[in-house]
C-alpha atoms as a PDB file:
ATOM      1  CA  MET A   1      -3.925  -5.132  13.625  1.00  0.00           C
ATOM      2  CA  THR A   2      -3.616  -6.467  17.172  1.00  0.00           C
ATOM      3  CA  ARG A   3      -1.780  -4.353  19.689  1.00  0.00           C
ATOM      4  CA  VAL A   4       1.060  -6.244  21.388  1.00  0.00           C
ATOM      5  CA  SER A   5       1.579  -5.540  25.064  1.00  0.00           C
ATOM      6  CA  CYS A   6       3.933  -7.000  27.628  1.00  0.00           C
ATOM      7  CA  PHE A   7       1.176  -6.740  30.247  1.00  0.00           C
ATOM      8  CA  PRO A   8      -1.786  -9.117  30.527  1.00  0.00           C
ATOM      9  CA  PRO A   9      -5.088  -7.581  29.396  1.00  0.00           C
ATOM     10  CA  CYS A  10      -6.507  -7.881  32.922  1.00  0.00           C
ATOM     11  CA  LEU A  11      -4.157  -5.151  34.210  1.00  0.00           C
ATOM     12  CA  SER A  12      -5.612  -1.670  34.287  1.00  0.00           C
ATOM     13  CA  CYS A  13      -3.786   1.420  33.090  1.00  0.00           C
ATOM     14  CA  ASP A  14      -3.032   2.461  36.655  1.00  0.00           C
ATOM     15  CA  CYS A  15      -1.412  -0.894  37.328  1.00  0.00           C
ATOM     16  CA  ARG A  16       0.586  -0.602  34.120  1.00  0.00           C
ATOM     17  CA  GLU A  17       1.858   2.826  35.134  1.00  0.00           C
ATOM     18  CA  TRP A  18       2.822   1.472  38.558  1.00  0.00           C
ATOM     19  CA  TYR A  19       4.836  -1.357  36.990  1.00  0.00           C
ATOM     20  CA  ARG A  20       6.544   1.056  34.609  1.00  0.00           C
ATOM     21  CA  ARG A  21       7.457   3.442  37.441  1.00  0.00           C
ATOM     22  CA  ASN A  22       8.643   0.553  39.628  1.00  0.00           C
ATOM     23  CA  PHE A  23      10.833  -0.779  36.813  1.00  0.00           C
ATOM     24  CA  THR A  24      12.312   2.681  36.206  1.00  0.00           C
ATOM     25  CA  ILE A  25      13.181   3.152  39.884  1.00  0.00           C
ATOM     26  CA  THR A  26      14.706  -0.327  40.077  1.00  0.00           C
ATOM     27  CA  PHE A  27      16.735   0.290  36.921  1.00  0.00           C
ATOM     28  CA  LEU A  28      18.092   3.599  38.245  1.00  0.00           C
ATOM     29  CA  MET A  29      18.999   2.059  41.606  1.00  0.00           C
ATOM     30  CA  ALA A  30      20.842  -0.790  39.860  1.00  0.00           C
ATOM     31  CA  ARG A  31      22.678   1.707  37.680  1.00  0.00           C
ATOM     32  CA  VAL A  32      23.890   3.710  40.683  1.00  0.00           C
ATOM     33  CA  THR A  33      24.915   0.520  42.509  1.00  0.00           C
ATOM     34  CA  LEU A  34      26.912  -0.769  39.538  1.00  0.00           C
ATOM     35  CA  GLN A  35      28.543   2.621  39.058  1.00  0.00           C
ATOM     36  CA  ASN A  36      29.586   2.734  42.736  1.00  0.00           C
ATOM     37  CA  MET A  37      30.945  -0.813  42.538  1.00  0.00           C
ATOM     38  CA  TRP A  38      32.877   0.048  39.381  1.00  0.00           C
ATOM     39  CA  ASN A  39      34.342   3.163  41.004  1.00  0.00           C
ATOM     40  CA  ASN A  40      35.451   1.136  44.045  1.00  0.00           C
ATOM     41  CA  LEU A  41      37.048  -1.616  41.947  1.00  0.00           C
ATOM     42  CA  SER A  42      38.730   0.500  39.308  1.00  0.00           C
ATOM     43  CA  PRO A  43      42.018   2.276  40.037  1.00  0.00           C
ATOM     44  CA  ALA A  44      41.775   5.838  41.264  1.00  0.00           C
ATOM     45  CA  LYS A  45      42.288   8.693  38.807  1.00  0.00           C
ATOM     46  CA  GLY A  46      45.958   9.009  38.019  1.00  0.00           C
ATOM     47  CA  GLY A  47      46.613   5.342  38.747  1.00  0.00           C
ATOM     48  CA  LYS A  48      49.190   5.965  41.500  1.00  0.00           C
ATOM     49  CA  LYS A  49      46.958   6.616  44.506  1.00  0.00           C
ATOM     50  CA  ASN A  50      46.286   2.960  45.374  1.00  0.00           C
ATOM     51  CA  ASP A  51      49.587   1.623  44.063  1.00  0.00           C
ATOM     52  CA  PRO A  52      51.572   0.180  47.003  1.00  0.00           C
ATOM     53  CA  THR A  53      54.850   0.422  45.052  1.00  0.00           C
ATOM     54  CA  ALA A  54      54.520   4.186  44.524  1.00  0.00           C
ATOM     55  CA  THR A  55      56.607   6.366  46.825  1.00  0.00           C
END
């Protein structure tokens, strides 16, 4: 049975590990960025803090 890989056979194991680590770091950075954006766009906890009609 042939082993299926998403990397070309010319890449060494070290290169494969580097790509995997780079992808993981990029994924985590994107996750934090999206979470920060979501927190800035969503209403604050309680819903009344950013409401201009609240007294």
